[in-house]
Amino acid sequence: MAKDLAIVIPVYNEVDNLNEMLRRLLQSIKGITTSFEIIFVNDGSTDGSDQVIEELCRNKPQVFFVNLTRNYGHQVAISAGLNYCNARAVITIDADLQDPPELIKDLYT
Protein backbone atom coordinates (compact mmCIF):
# COMPACT_ATOMS: atom_id res chain seq x y z
CA MET A 1 0.00 0.00 0.00
CA ALA A 2 1.35 3.41 -0.95
CA LYS A 3 2.39 5.84 1.75
CA ASP A 4 1.03 9.38 1.82
CA LEU A 5 4.46 10.99 1.47
CA ALA A 6 8.00 10.03 0.47
CA ILE A 7 11.07 12.17 0.96
CA VAL A 8 13.97 11.37 -1.39
CA ILE A 9 17.39 12.65 -0.32
CA PRO A 10 20.38 12.34 -2.68
CA VAL A 11 23.60 12.21 -0.66
CA TYR A 12 27.15 12.88 -1.77
CA ASN A 13 29.76 13.35 0.96
CA GLU A 14 27.35 14.78 3.55
CA VAL A 15 28.48 12.79 6.60
CA ASP A 16 28.37 15.87 8.86
CA ASN A 17 24.75 16.74 7.99
CA LEU A 18 22.97 13.39 8.00
CA ASN A 19 22.05 13.05 11.67
CA GLU A 20 20.71 16.59 11.82
CA MET A 21 18.88 16.14 8.51
CA LEU A 22 17.04 13.05 9.76
CA ARG A 23 16.26 14.62 13.13
CA ARG A 24 14.73 17.71 11.51
CA LEU A 25 12.89 15.67 8.89
CA LEU A 26 11.27 13.40 11.45
CA GLN A 27 10.25 16.41 13.53
CA SER A 28 8.79 18.16 10.49
CA ILE A 29 6.91 15.14 9.15
CA LYS A 30 5.41 14.38 12.55
CA GLY A 31 2.97 17.26 12.09
CA ILE A 32 1.99 16.19 8.56
CA THR A 33 1.34 12.45 8.40
CA THR A 34 2.22 9.13 10.00
CA SER A 35 2.21 7.42 6.60
CA PHE A 36 5.61 8.31 5.16
CA GLU A 37 8.96 6.99 4.03
CA ILE A 38 12.37 8.63 3.87
CA ILE A 39 14.80 7.37 1.24
CA PHE A 40 18.46 8.32 1.41
CA VAL A 41 20.31 7.68 -1.87
CA ASN A 42 24.07 7.49 -1.40
CA ASP A 43 25.62 8.68 -4.67
CA GLY A 44 29.05 7.12 -4.29
CA SER A 45 30.17 9.13 -1.24
CA THR A 46 33.74 8.60 -0.08
CA ASP A 47 33.46 10.19 3.38
CA GLY A 48 31.58 7.43 5.22
CA SER A 49 28.11 8.78 4.48
CA ASP A 50 26.99 5.27 3.54
CA GLN A 51 27.89 3.94 6.99
CA VAL A 52 26.07 6.78 8.76
CA ILE A 53 22.97 6.28 6.60
CA GLU A 54 23.00 2.56 7.30
CA GLU A 55 23.06 3.29 11.03
CA LEU A 56 20.28 5.90 10.69
CA CYS A 57 18.07 3.28 9.03
CA ARG A 58 18.56 0.76 11.83
CA ASN A 59 15.35 0.31 13.86
CA LYS A 60 13.49 2.92 11.79
CA PRO A 61 11.06 1.10 9.49
CA GLN A 62 10.19 4.32 7.61
CA VAL A 63 13.81 5.11 6.67
CA PHE A 64 15.43 3.40 3.68
CA PHE A 65 18.82 3.41 2.00
CA VAL A 66 19.74 3.06 -1.67
CA ASN A 67 23.49 2.73 -2.21
CA LEU A 68 24.74 3.50 -5.72
CA THR A 69 27.98 1.77 -6.71
CA ARG A 70 29.71 5.01 -7.69
CA ASN A 71 29.02 8.71 -8.14
CA TYR A 72 26.46 8.97 -10.95
CA GLY A 73 25.35 12.53 -10.21
CA HIS A 74 22.55 14.33 -8.46
CA GLN A 75 19.81 13.68 -11.03
CA VAL A 76 20.54 9.95 -11.28
CA ALA A 77 20.46 9.71 -7.47
CA ILE A 78 17.06 11.41 -7.42
CA SER A 79 15.81 9.07 -10.16
CA ALA A 80 16.98 6.05 -8.16
CA GLY A 81 15.06 7.30 -5.13
CA LEU A 82 11.95 7.97 -7.20
CA ASN A 83 12.14 4.44 -8.61
CA TYR A 84 12.41 3.01 -5.09
CA CYS A 85 9.66 4.97 -3.35
CA ASN A 86 6.01 4.02 -3.07
CA ALA A 87 3.98 7.08 -2.15
CA ARG A 88 1.18 9.29 -3.42
CA ALA A 89 3.38 12.39 -3.13
CA VAL A 90 7.17 12.73 -3.29
CA ILE A 91 9.40 15.58 -2.20
CA THR A 92 13.11 15.69 -2.98
CA ILE A 93 15.44 17.57 -0.69
CA ASP A 94 19.22 17.87 -0.64
CA ALA A 95 21.16 16.57 2.36
CA ASP A 96 23.16 19.78 2.84
CA LEU A 97 20.30 21.44 4.80
CA GLN A 98 20.26 24.50 2.53
CA ASP A 99 16.58 23.74 1.96
CA PRO A 100 15.03 23.62 5.44
CA PRO A 101 13.07 20.40 6.09
CA GLU A 102 10.61 22.53 8.06
CA LEU A 103 9.26 23.89 4.73
CA ILE A 104 7.96 20.46 3.71
CA LYS A 105 4.69 21.17 5.49
CA ASP A 106 4.12 24.19 3.23
CA LEU A 107 4.86 22.11 0.12
CA TYR A 108 2.68 19.19 1.13
CA THR A 109 -0.44 20.91 2.44
PDB file of N, CA and C in Angstrom:
ATOM      1  N   MET A   1       0.839  -1.184   0.000  1.00  0.00           N
ATOM      2  CA  MET A   1       0.000   0.000   0.000  1.00  0.00           C
ATOM      3  C   MET A   1       0.891   1.257   0.000  1.00  0.00           C
ATOM      4  N   ALA A   2       0.558   2.195  -0.821  1.00  0.00           N
ATOM      5  CA  ALA A   2       1.355   3.409  -0.947  1.00  0.00           C
ATOM      6  C   ALA A   2       1.238   4.274   0.300  1.00  0.00           C
ATOM      7  N   LYS A   3       2.348   4.875   0.653  1.00  0.00           N
ATOM      8  CA  LYS A   3       2.387   5.843   1.749  1.00  0.00           C
ATOM      9  C   LYS A   3       1.806   7.162   1.255  1.00  0.00           C
ATOM     10  N   ASP A   4       1.489   8.047   2.192  1.00  0.00           N
ATOM     11  CA  ASP A   4       1.026   9.382   1.817  1.00  0.00           C
ATOM     12  C   ASP A   4       2.160  10.218   1.228  1.00  0.00           C
ATOM     13  N   LEU A   5       3.352  10.099   1.817  1.00  0.00           N
ATOM     14  CA  LEU A   5       4.458  10.988   1.467  1.00  0.00           C
ATOM     15  C   LEU A   5       5.783  10.240   1.483  1.00  0.00           C
ATOM     16  N   ALA A   6       6.619  10.519   0.487  1.00  0.00           N
ATOM     17  CA  ALA A   6       7.998  10.029   0.466  1.00  0.00           C
ATOM     18  C   ALA A   6       8.917  11.235   0.345  1.00  0.00           C
ATOM     19  N   ILE A   7      10.019  11.164   1.072  1.00  0.00           N
ATOM     20  CA  ILE A   7      11.071  12.172   0.964  1.00  0.00           C
ATOM     21  C   ILE A   7      12.294  11.467   0.401  1.00  0.00           C
ATOM     22  N   VAL A   8      12.785  11.939  -0.745  1.00  0.00           N
ATOM     23  CA  VAL A   8      13.972  11.368  -1.391  1.00  0.00           C
ATOM     24  C   VAL A   8      15.129  12.345  -1.193  1.00  0.00           C
ATOM     25  N   ILE A   9      16.242  11.811  -0.660  1.00  0.00           N
ATOM     26  CA  ILE A   9      17.388  12.653  -0.324  1.00  0.00           C
ATOM     27  C   ILE A   9      18.645  12.114  -1.009  1.00  0.00           C
ATOM     28  N   PRO A  10      19.102  12.754  -2.090  1.00  0.00           N
ATOM     29  CA  PRO A  10      20.376  12.345  -2.683  1.00  0.00           C
ATOM     30  C   PRO A  10      21.517  12.799  -1.769  1.00  0.00           C
ATOM     31  N   VAL A  11      22.500  11.927  -1.588  1.00  0.00           N
ATOM     32  CA  VAL A  11      23.596  12.207  -0.657  1.00  0.00           C
ATOM     33  C   VAL A  11      24.933  12.000  -1.364  1.00  0.00           C
ATOM     34  N   TYR A  12      25.768  13.023  -1.304  1.00  0.00           N
ATOM     35  CA  TYR A  12      27.148  12.881  -1.773  1.00  0.00           C
ATOM     36  C   TYR A  12      28.062  13.601  -0.790  1.00  0.00           C
ATOM     37  N   ASN A  13      28.799  12.829  -0.017  1.00  0.00           N
ATOM     38  CA  ASN A  13      29.756  13.350   0.964  1.00  0.00           C
ATOM     39  C   ASN A  13      29.116  14.360   1.921  1.00  0.00           C
ATOM     40  N   GLU A  14      28.078  13.932   2.599  1.00  0.00           N
ATOM     41  CA  GLU A  14      27.350  14.782   3.554  1.00  0.00           C
ATOM     42  C   GLU A  14      27.375  14.201   4.967  1.00  0.00           C
ATOM     43  N   VAL A  15      28.430  13.498   5.318  1.00  0.00           N
ATOM     44  CA  VAL A  15      28.485  12.790   6.597  1.00  0.00           C
ATOM     45  C   VAL A  15      28.165  13.710   7.784  1.00  0.00           C
ATOM     46  N   ASP A  16      28.575  14.958   7.731  1.00  0.00           N
ATOM     47  CA  ASP A  16      28.371  15.870   8.857  1.00  0.00           C
ATOM     48  C   ASP A  16      26.937  16.366   8.999  1.00  0.00           C
ATOM     49  N   ASN A  17      26.121  16.212   7.961  1.00  0.00           N
ATOM     50  CA  ASN A  17      24.752  16.739   7.993  1.00  0.00           C
ATOM     51  C   ASN A  17      23.680  15.685   8.217  1.00  0.00           C
ATOM     52  N   LEU A  18      23.998  14.430   8.084  1.00  0.00           N
ATOM     53  CA  LEU A  18      22.970  13.388   8.001  1.00  0.00           C
ATOM     54  C   LEU A  18      22.159  13.206   9.271  1.00  0.00           C
ATOM     55  N   ASN A  19      22.796  13.200  10.423  1.00  0.00           N
ATOM     56  CA  ASN A  19      22.051  13.048  11.673  1.00  0.00           C
ATOM     57  C   ASN A  19      21.082  14.205  11.886  1.00  0.00           C
ATOM     58  N   GLU A  20      21.559  15.412  11.660  1.00  0.00           N
ATOM     59  CA  GLU A  20      20.707  16.588  11.821  1.00  0.00           C
ATOM     60  C   GLU A  20      19.587  16.596  10.784  1.00  0.00           C
ATOM     61  N   MET A  21      19.898  16.206   9.560  1.00  0.00           N
ATOM     62  CA  MET A  21      18.875  16.139   8.515  1.00  0.00           C
ATOM     63  C   MET A  21      17.746  15.208   8.935  1.00  0.00           C
ATOM     64  N   LEU A  22      18.085  14.000   9.373  1.00  0.00           N
ATOM     65  CA  LEU A  22      17.040  13.054   9.756  1.00  0.00           C
ATOM     66  C   LEU A  22      16.264  13.544  10.963  1.00  0.00           C
ATOM     67  N   ARG A  23      16.950  14.110  11.947  1.00  0.00           N
ATOM     68  CA  ARG A  23      16.258  14.623  13.135  1.00  0.00           C
ATOM     69  C   ARG A  23      15.230  15.679  12.749  1.00  0.00           C
ATOM     70  N   ARG A  24      15.639  16.628  11.924  1.00  0.00           N
ATOM     71  CA  ARG A  24      14.734  17.708  11.514  1.00  0.00           C
ATOM     72  C   ARG A  24      13.619  17.198  10.610  1.00  0.00           C
ATOM     73  N   LEU A  25      13.927  16.250   9.743  1.00  0.00           N
ATOM     74  CA  LEU A  25      12.894  15.667   8.886  1.00  0.00           C
ATOM     75  C   LEU A  25      11.817  14.971   9.707  1.00  0.00           C
ATOM     76  N   LEU A  26      12.241  14.126  10.628  1.00  0.00           N
ATOM     77  CA  LEU A  26      11.269  13.397  11.452  1.00  0.00           C
ATOM     78  C   LEU A  26      10.409  14.357  12.254  1.00  0.00           C
ATOM     79  N   GLN A  27      11.009  15.400  12.775  1.00  0.00           N
ATOM     80  CA  GLN A  27      10.249  16.406  13.527  1.00  0.00           C
ATOM     81  C   GLN A  27       9.247  17.116  12.623  1.00  0.00           C
ATOM     82  N   SER A  28       9.661  17.451  11.420  1.00  0.00           N
ATOM     83  CA  SER A  28       8.787  18.163  10.485  1.00  0.00           C
ATOM     84  C   SER A  28       7.640  17.287   9.991  1.00  0.00           C
ATOM     85  N   ILE A  29       7.936  16.049   9.682  1.00  0.00           N
ATOM     86  CA  ILE A  29       6.912  15.144   9.146  1.00  0.00           C
ATOM     87  C   ILE A  29       5.891  14.766  10.201  1.00  0.00           C
ATOM     88  N   LYS A  30       6.305  14.768  11.463  1.00  0.00           N
ATOM     89  CA  LYS A  30       5.411  14.380  12.551  1.00  0.00           C
ATOM     90  C   LYS A  30       4.097  15.167  12.514  1.00  0.00           C
ATOM     91  N   GLY A  31       4.167  16.432  12.149  1.00  0.00           N
ATOM     92  CA  GLY A  31       2.971  17.263  12.095  1.00  0.00           C
ATOM     93  C   GLY A  31       2.185  17.137  10.803  1.00  0.00           C
ATOM     94  N   ILE A  32       2.634  16.303   9.867  1.00  0.00           N
ATOM     95  CA  ILE A  32       1.990  16.192   8.563  1.00  0.00           C
ATOM     96  C   ILE A  32       1.237  14.879   8.412  1.00  0.00           C
ATOM     97  N   THR A  33       1.932  13.767   8.612  1.00  0.00           N
ATOM     98  CA  THR A  33       1.342  12.445   8.396  1.00  0.00           C
ATOM     99  C   THR A  33       2.146  11.395   9.145  1.00  0.00           C
ATOM    100  N   THR A  34       1.506  10.287   9.428  1.00  0.00           N
ATOM    101  CA  THR A  34       2.218   9.132   9.998  1.00  0.00           C
ATOM    102  C   THR A  34       2.512   8.098   8.923  1.00  0.00           C
ATOM    103  N   SER A  35       2.015   8.337   7.717  1.00  0.00           N
ATOM    104  CA  SER A  35       2.210   7.423   6.599  1.00  0.00           C
ATOM    105  C   SER A  35       3.260   8.011   5.651  1.00  0.00           C
ATOM    106  N   PHE A  36       4.529   7.720   5.934  1.00  0.00           N
ATOM    107  CA  PHE A  36       5.610   8.315   5.163  1.00  0.00           C
ATOM    108  C   PHE A  36       6.782   7.351   5.061  1.00  0.00           C
ATOM    109  N   GLU A  37       7.683   7.683   4.131  1.00  0.00           N
ATOM    110  CA  GLU A  37       8.960   6.992   4.025  1.00  0.00           C
ATOM    111  C   GLU A  37      10.029   8.009   3.656  1.00  0.00           C
ATOM    112  N   ILE A  38      11.219   7.784   4.166  1.00  0.00           N
ATOM    113  CA  ILE A  38      12.373   8.625   3.868  1.00  0.00           C
ATOM    114  C   ILE A  38      13.395   7.740   3.182  1.00  0.00           C
ATOM    115  N   ILE A  39      13.866   8.175   2.019  1.00  0.00           N
ATOM    116  CA  ILE A  39      14.797   7.375   1.238  1.00  0.00           C
ATOM    117  C   ILE A  39      16.073   8.178   1.002  1.00  0.00           C
ATOM    118  N   PHE A  40      17.146   7.755   1.655  1.00  0.00           N
ATOM    119  CA  PHE A  40      18.461   8.319   1.410  1.00  0.00           C
ATOM    120  C   PHE A  40      19.081   7.569   0.235  1.00  0.00           C
ATOM    121  N   VAL A  41      19.625   8.303  -0.733  1.00  0.00           N
ATOM    122  CA  VAL A  41      20.312   7.680  -1.867  1.00  0.00           C
ATOM    123  C   VAL A  41      21.771   8.122  -1.828  1.00  0.00           C
ATOM    124  N   ASN A  42      22.640   7.195  -1.443  1.00  0.00           N
ATOM    125  CA  ASN A  42      24.069   7.491  -1.405  1.00  0.00           C
ATOM    126  C   ASN A  42      24.629   7.424  -2.820  1.00  0.00           C
ATOM    127  N   ASP A  43      25.132   8.556  -3.293  1.00  0.00           N
ATOM    128  CA  ASP A  43      25.618   8.677  -4.666  1.00  0.00           C
ATOM    129  C   ASP A  43      27.136   8.530  -4.731  1.00  0.00           C
ATOM    130  N   GLY A  44      27.631   7.407  -4.209  1.00  0.00           N
ATOM    131  CA  GLY A  44      29.053   7.123  -4.285  1.00  0.00           C
ATOM    132  C   GLY A  44      29.918   7.952  -3.350  1.00  0.00           C
ATOM    133  N   SER A  45      29.394   8.339  -2.204  1.00  0.00           N
ATOM    134  CA  SER A  45      30.167   9.125  -1.236  1.00  0.00           C
ATOM    135  C   SER A  45      31.437   8.388  -0.824  1.00  0.00           C
ATOM    136  N   THR A  46      32.467   9.169  -0.525  1.00  0.00           N
ATOM    137  CA  THR A  46      33.736   8.596  -0.082  1.00  0.00           C
ATOM    138  C   THR A  46      34.089   9.006   1.351  1.00  0.00           C
ATOM    139  N   ASP A  47      33.175   9.670   2.043  1.00  0.00           N
ATOM    140  CA  ASP A  47      33.456  10.195   3.378  1.00  0.00           C
ATOM    141  C   ASP A  47      32.806   9.393   4.508  1.00  0.00           C
ATOM    142  N   GLY A  48      32.252   8.232   4.190  1.00  0.00           N
ATOM    143  CA  GLY A  48      31.582   7.433   5.217  1.00  0.00           C
ATOM    144  C   GLY A  48      30.100   7.714   5.340  1.00  0.00           C
ATOM    145  N   SER A  49      29.549   8.503   4.445  1.00  0.00           N
ATOM    146  CA  SER A  49      28.106   8.785   4.478  1.00  0.00           C
ATOM    147  C   SER A  49      27.288   7.501   4.441  1.00  0.00           C
ATOM    148  N   ASP A  50      27.733   6.522   3.652  1.00  0.00           N
ATOM    149  CA  ASP A  50      26.986   5.267   3.544  1.00  0.00           C
ATOM    150  C   ASP A  50      26.876   4.558   4.889  1.00  0.00           C
ATOM    151  N   GLN A  51      27.929   4.587   5.682  1.00  0.00           N
ATOM    152  CA  GLN A  51      27.890   3.936   6.993  1.00  0.00           C
ATOM    153  C   GLN A  51      26.963   4.672   7.950  1.00  0.00           C
ATOM    154  N   VAL A  52      26.967   5.996   7.900  1.00  0.00           N
ATOM    155  CA  VAL A  52      26.073   6.784   8.756  1.00  0.00           C
ATOM    156  C   VAL A  52      24.620   6.542   8.354  1.00  0.00           C
ATOM    157  N   ILE A  53      24.340   6.519   7.067  1.00  0.00           N
ATOM    158  CA  ILE A  53      22.975   6.277   6.598  1.00  0.00           C
ATOM    159  C   ILE A  53      22.507   4.891   7.033  1.00  0.00           C
ATOM    160  N   GLU A  54      23.360   3.914   6.887  1.00  0.00           N
ATOM    161  CA  GLU A  54      22.998   2.557   7.298  1.00  0.00           C
ATOM    162  C   GLU A  54      22.621   2.524   8.782  1.00  0.00           C
ATOM    163  N   GLU A  55      23.361   3.226   9.598  1.00  0.00           N
ATOM    164  CA  GLU A  55      23.059   3.289  11.029  1.00  0.00           C
ATOM    165  C   GLU A  55      21.753   4.051  11.278  1.00  0.00           C
ATOM    166  N   LEU A  56      21.521   5.127  10.529  1.00  0.00           N
ATOM    167  CA  LEU A  56      20.284   5.896  10.686  1.00  0.00           C
ATOM    168  C   LEU A  56      19.057   5.055  10.358  1.00  0.00           C
ATOM    169  N   CYS A  57      19.194   4.126   9.441  1.00  0.00           N
ATOM    170  CA  CYS A  57      18.070   3.275   9.034  1.00  0.00           C
ATOM    171  C   CYS A  57      17.752   2.188  10.063  1.00  0.00           C
ATOM    172  N   ARG A  58      18.729   1.838  10.854  1.00  0.00           N
ATOM    173  CA  ARG A  58      18.560   0.759  11.830  1.00  0.00           C
ATOM    174  C   ARG A  58      17.423   1.093  12.807  1.00  0.00           C
ATOM    175  N   ASN A  59      16.496   0.184  12.940  1.00  0.00           N
ATOM    176  CA  ASN A  59      15.354   0.312  13.856  1.00  0.00           C
ATOM    177  C   ASN A  59      14.392   1.440  13.496  1.00  0.00           C
ATOM    178  N   LYS A  60      14.430   1.900  12.256  1.00  0.00           N
ATOM    179  CA  LYS A  60      13.489   2.918  11.786  1.00  0.00           C
ATOM    180  C   LYS A  60      12.827   2.386  10.516  1.00  0.00           C
ATOM    181  N   PRO A  61      11.675   1.746  10.647  1.00  0.00           N
ATOM    182  CA  PRO A  61      11.058   1.098   9.487  1.00  0.00           C
ATOM    183  C   PRO A  61      10.622   2.055   8.377  1.00  0.00           C
ATOM    184  N   GLN A  62      10.589   3.352   8.646  1.00  0.00           N
ATOM    185  CA  GLN A  62      10.185   4.316   7.615  1.00  0.00           C
ATOM    186  C   GLN A  62      11.381   4.890   6.859  1.00  0.00           C
ATOM    187  N   VAL A  63      12.612   4.521   7.271  1.00  0.00           N
ATOM    188  CA  VAL A  63      13.808   5.106   6.673  1.00  0.00           C
ATOM    189  C   VAL A  63      14.539   4.033   5.871  1.00  0.00           C
ATOM    190  N   PHE A  64      14.819   4.346   4.599  1.00  0.00           N
ATOM    191  CA  PHE A  64      15.431   3.397   3.684  1.00  0.00           C
ATOM    192  C   PHE A  64      16.718   3.966   3.100  1.00  0.00           C
ATOM    193  N   PHE A  65      17.488   3.083   2.480  1.00  0.00           N
ATOM    194  CA  PHE A  65      18.818   3.415   2.003  1.00  0.00           C
ATOM    195  C   PHE A  65      19.038   2.753   0.652  1.00  0.00           C
ATOM    196  N   VAL A  66      19.324   3.558  -0.370  1.00  0.00           N
ATOM    197  CA  VAL A  66      19.744   3.058  -1.673  1.00  0.00           C
ATOM    198  C   VAL A  66      21.207   3.447  -1.816  1.00  0.00           C
ATOM    199  N   ASN A  67      22.049   2.479  -2.119  1.00  0.00           N
ATOM    200  CA  ASN A  67      23.486   2.732  -2.209  1.00  0.00           C
ATOM    201  C   ASN A  67      23.952   2.521  -3.646  1.00  0.00           C
ATOM    202  N   LEU A  68      24.238   3.603  -4.354  1.00  0.00           N
ATOM    203  CA  LEU A  68      24.737   3.504  -5.719  1.00  0.00           C
ATOM    204  C   LEU A  68      26.204   3.082  -5.697  1.00  0.00           C
ATOM    205  N   THR A  69      26.639   2.347  -6.696  1.00  0.00           N
ATOM    206  CA  THR A  69      27.978   1.766  -6.711  1.00  0.00           C
ATOM    207  C   THR A  69      29.091   2.787  -6.932  1.00  0.00           C
ATOM    208  N   ARG A  70      28.735   3.929  -7.485  1.00  0.00           N
ATOM    209  CA  ARG A  70      29.708   5.006  -7.691  1.00  0.00           C
ATOM    210  C   ARG A  70      28.939   6.314  -7.791  1.00  0.00           C
ATOM    211  N   ASN A  71      29.651   7.414  -7.992  1.00  0.00           N
ATOM    212  CA  ASN A  71      29.015   8.712  -8.137  1.00  0.00           C
ATOM    213  C   ASN A  71      28.454   8.850  -9.552  1.00  0.00           C
ATOM    214  N   TYR A  72      27.128   8.817  -9.654  1.00  0.00           N
ATOM    215  CA  TYR A  72      26.461   8.972 -10.947  1.00  0.00           C
ATOM    216  C   TYR A  72      25.951  10.390 -11.154  1.00  0.00           C
ATOM    217  N   GLY A  73      25.845  11.158 -10.103  1.00  0.00           N
ATOM    218  CA  GLY A  73      25.351  12.526 -10.206  1.00  0.00           C
ATOM    219  C   GLY A  73      24.007  12.703  -9.525  1.00  0.00           C
ATOM    220  N   HIS A  74      23.735  13.934  -9.215  1.00  0.00           N
ATOM    221  CA  HIS A  74      22.545  14.332  -8.461  1.00  0.00           C
ATOM    222  C   HIS A  74      21.241  13.828  -9.088  1.00  0.00           C
ATOM    223  N   GLN A  75      21.070  14.049 -10.372  1.00  0.00           N
ATOM    224  CA  GLN A  75      19.808  13.680 -11.032  1.00  0.00           C
ATOM    225  C   GLN A  75      19.592  12.172 -11.072  1.00  0.00           C
ATOM    226  N   VAL A  76      20.649  11.407 -11.285  1.00  0.00           N
ATOM    227  CA  VAL A  76      20.535   9.945 -11.275  1.00  0.00           C
ATOM    228  C   VAL A  76      20.184   9.464  -9.871  1.00  0.00           C
ATOM    229  N   ALA A  77      20.784  10.080  -8.856  1.00  0.00           N
ATOM    230  CA  ALA A  77      20.461   9.709  -7.472  1.00  0.00           C
ATOM    231  C   ALA A  77      18.988   9.992  -7.166  1.00  0.00           C
ATOM    232  N   ILE A  78      18.491  11.112  -7.614  1.00  0.00           N
ATOM    233  CA  ILE A  78      17.063  11.413  -7.418  1.00  0.00           C
ATOM    234  C   ILE A  78      16.212  10.380  -8.154  1.00  0.00           C
ATOM    235  N   SER A  79      16.567  10.068  -9.386  1.00  0.00           N
ATOM    236  CA  SER A  79      15.807   9.070 -10.156  1.00  0.00           C
ATOM    237  C   SER A  79      15.797   7.723  -9.454  1.00  0.00           C
ATOM    238  N   ALA A  80      16.922   7.320  -8.886  1.00  0.00           N
ATOM    239  CA  ALA A  80      16.977   6.050  -8.156  1.00  0.00           C
ATOM    240  C   ALA A  80      16.023   6.071  -6.970  1.00  0.00           C
ATOM    241  N   GLY A  81      15.985   7.176  -6.257  1.00  0.00           N
ATOM    242  CA  GLY A  81      15.063   7.303  -5.126  1.00  0.00           C
ATOM    243  C   GLY A  81      13.612   7.299  -5.567  1.00  0.00           C
ATOM    244  N   LEU A  82      13.326   7.960  -6.676  1.00  0.00           N
ATOM    245  CA  LEU A  82      11.955   7.973  -7.203  1.00  0.00           C
ATOM    246  C   LEU A  82      11.526   6.569  -7.632  1.00  0.00           C
ATOM    247  N   ASN A  83      12.452   5.809  -8.209  1.00  0.00           N
ATOM    248  CA  ASN A  83      12.138   4.436  -8.607  1.00  0.00           C
ATOM    249  C   ASN A  83      11.889   3.544  -7.401  1.00  0.00           C
ATOM    250  N   TYR A  84      12.524   3.838  -6.289  1.00  0.00           N
ATOM    251  CA  TYR A  84      12.415   3.006  -5.090  1.00  0.00           C
ATOM    252  C   TYR A  84      11.166   3.316  -4.270  1.00  0.00           C
ATOM    253  N   CYS A  85      10.728   4.560  -4.265  1.00  0.00           N
ATOM    254  CA  CYS A  85       9.656   4.969  -3.345  1.00  0.00           C
ATOM    255  C   CYS A  85       8.285   4.470  -3.801  1.00  0.00           C
ATOM    256  N   ASN A  86       7.389   4.434  -2.830  1.00  0.00           N
ATOM    257  CA  ASN A  86       6.011   4.023  -3.072  1.00  0.00           C
ATOM    258  C   ASN A  86       5.106   4.941  -2.262  1.00  0.00           C
ATOM    259  N   ALA A  87       4.774   6.087  -2.858  1.00  0.00           N
ATOM    260  CA  ALA A  87       3.976   7.079  -2.147  1.00  0.00           C
ATOM    261  C   ALA A  87       3.119   7.864  -3.128  1.00  0.00           C
ATOM    262  N   ARG A  88       2.070   8.466  -2.592  1.00  0.00           N
ATOM    263  CA  ARG A  88       1.176   9.286  -3.422  1.00  0.00           C
ATOM    264  C   ARG A  88       1.791  10.637  -3.757  1.00  0.00           C
ATOM    265  N   ALA A  89       2.682  11.126  -2.893  1.00  0.00           N
ATOM    266  CA  ALA A  89       3.383  12.388  -3.133  1.00  0.00           C
ATOM    267  C   ALA A  89       4.846  12.198  -2.763  1.00  0.00           C
ATOM    268  N   VAL A  90       5.732  12.849  -3.533  1.00  0.00           N
ATOM    269  CA  VAL A  90       7.168  12.734  -3.288  1.00  0.00           C
ATOM    270  C   VAL A  90       7.772  14.131  -3.258  1.00  0.00           C
ATOM    271  N   ILE A  91       8.635  14.345  -2.288  1.00  0.00           N
ATOM    272  CA  ILE A  91       9.400  15.583  -2.196  1.00  0.00           C
ATOM    273  C   ILE A  91      10.872  15.200  -2.208  1.00  0.00           C
ATOM    274  N   THR A  92      11.669  15.899  -3.013  1.00  0.00           N
ATOM    275  CA  THR A  92      13.114  15.694  -2.984  1.00  0.00           C
ATOM    276  C   THR A  92      13.734  16.859  -2.228  1.00  0.00           C
ATOM    277  N   ILE A  93      14.751  16.534  -1.458  1.00  0.00           N
ATOM    278  CA  ILE A  93      15.441  17.566  -0.686  1.00  0.00           C
ATOM    279  C   ILE A  93      16.910  17.182  -0.595  1.00  0.00           C
ATOM    280  N   ASP A  94      17.794  18.144  -0.729  1.00  0.00           N
ATOM    281  CA  ASP A  94      19.225  17.869  -0.639  1.00  0.00           C
ATOM    282  C   ASP A  94      19.638  17.669   0.811  1.00  0.00           C
ATOM    283  N   ALA A  95      20.694  16.910   1.014  1.00  0.00           N
ATOM    284  CA  ALA A  95      21.156  16.567   2.358  1.00  0.00           C
ATOM    285  C   ALA A  95      21.972  17.679   3.013  1.00  0.00           C
ATOM    286  N   ASP A  96      22.291  18.738   2.285  1.00  0.00           N
ATOM    287  CA  ASP A  96      23.159  19.780   2.840  1.00  0.00           C
ATOM    288  C   ASP A  96      22.432  20.781   3.731  1.00  0.00           C
ATOM    289  N   LEU A  97      21.125  20.605   3.923  1.00  0.00           N
ATOM    290  CA  LEU A  97      20.299  21.443   4.796  1.00  0.00           C
ATOM    291  C   LEU A  97      20.153  22.884   4.307  1.00  0.00           C
ATOM    292  N   GLN A  98      20.498  23.164   3.054  1.00  0.00           N
ATOM    293  CA  GLN A  98      20.263  24.497   2.526  1.00  0.00           C
ATOM    294  C   GLN A  98      18.780  24.743   2.298  1.00  0.00           C
ATOM    295  N   ASP A  99      18.039  23.667   2.034  1.00  0.00           N
ATOM    296  CA  ASP A  99      16.579  23.745   1.958  1.00  0.00           C
ATOM    297  C   ASP A  99      16.051  23.212   3.287  1.00  0.00           C
ATOM    298  N   PRO A 100      15.458  24.057   4.112  1.00  0.00           N
ATOM    299  CA  PRO A 100      15.027  23.620   5.438  1.00  0.00           C
ATOM    300  C   PRO A 100      13.924  22.564   5.375  1.00  0.00           C
ATOM    301  N   PRO A 101      14.107  21.433   6.055  1.00  0.00           N
ATOM    302  CA  PRO A 101      13.069  20.401   6.093  1.00  0.00           C
ATOM    303  C   PRO A 101      11.752  20.923   6.669  1.00  0.00           C
ATOM    304  N   GLU A 102      11.808  21.965   7.445  1.00  0.00           N
ATOM    305  CA  GLU A 102      10.608  22.532   8.058  1.00  0.00           C
ATOM    306  C   GLU A 102       9.642  23.110   7.019  1.00  0.00           C
ATOM    307  N   LEU A 103      10.123  23.355   5.796  1.00  0.00           N
ATOM    308  CA  LEU A 103       9.261  23.886   4.734  1.00  0.00           C
ATOM    309  C   LEU A 103       8.432  22.802   4.044  1.00  0.00           C
ATOM    310  N   ILE A 104       8.696  21.560   4.346  1.00  0.00           N
ATOM    311  CA  ILE A 104       7.955  20.462   3.713  1.00  0.00           C
ATOM    312  C   ILE A 104       6.458  20.590   3.985  1.00  0.00           C
ATOM    313  N   LYS A 105       6.108  21.008   5.170  1.00  0.00           N
ATOM    314  CA  LYS A 105       4.686  21.169   5.494  1.00  0.00           C
ATOM    315  C   LYS A 105       4.007  22.139   4.522  1.00  0.00           C
ATOM    316  N   ASP A 106       4.681  23.229   4.178  1.00  0.00           N
ATOM    317  CA  ASP A 106       4.117  24.191   3.233  1.00  0.00           C
ATOM    318  C   ASP A 106       3.980  23.603   1.836  1.00  0.00           C
ATOM    319  N   LEU A 107       4.922  22.736   1.445  1.00  0.00           N
ATOM    320  CA  LEU A 107       4.865  22.111   0.120  1.00  0.00           C
ATOM    321  C   LEU A 107       3.779  21.046   0.044  1.00  0.00           C
ATOM    322  N   TYR A 108       3.564  20.348   1.137  1.00  0.00           N
ATOM    323  CA  TYR A 108       2.679  19.189   1.129  1.00  0.00           C
ATOM    324  C   TYR A 108       1.208  19.568   1.336  1.00  0.00           C
ATOM    325  N   THR A 109       0.950  20.576   2.139  1.00  0.00           N
ATOM    326  CA  THR A 109      -0.443  20.909   2.445  1.00  0.00           C
ATOM    327  C   THR A 109      -1.036  21.879   1.468  1.00  0.00           C
TER     328      THR A 109
END
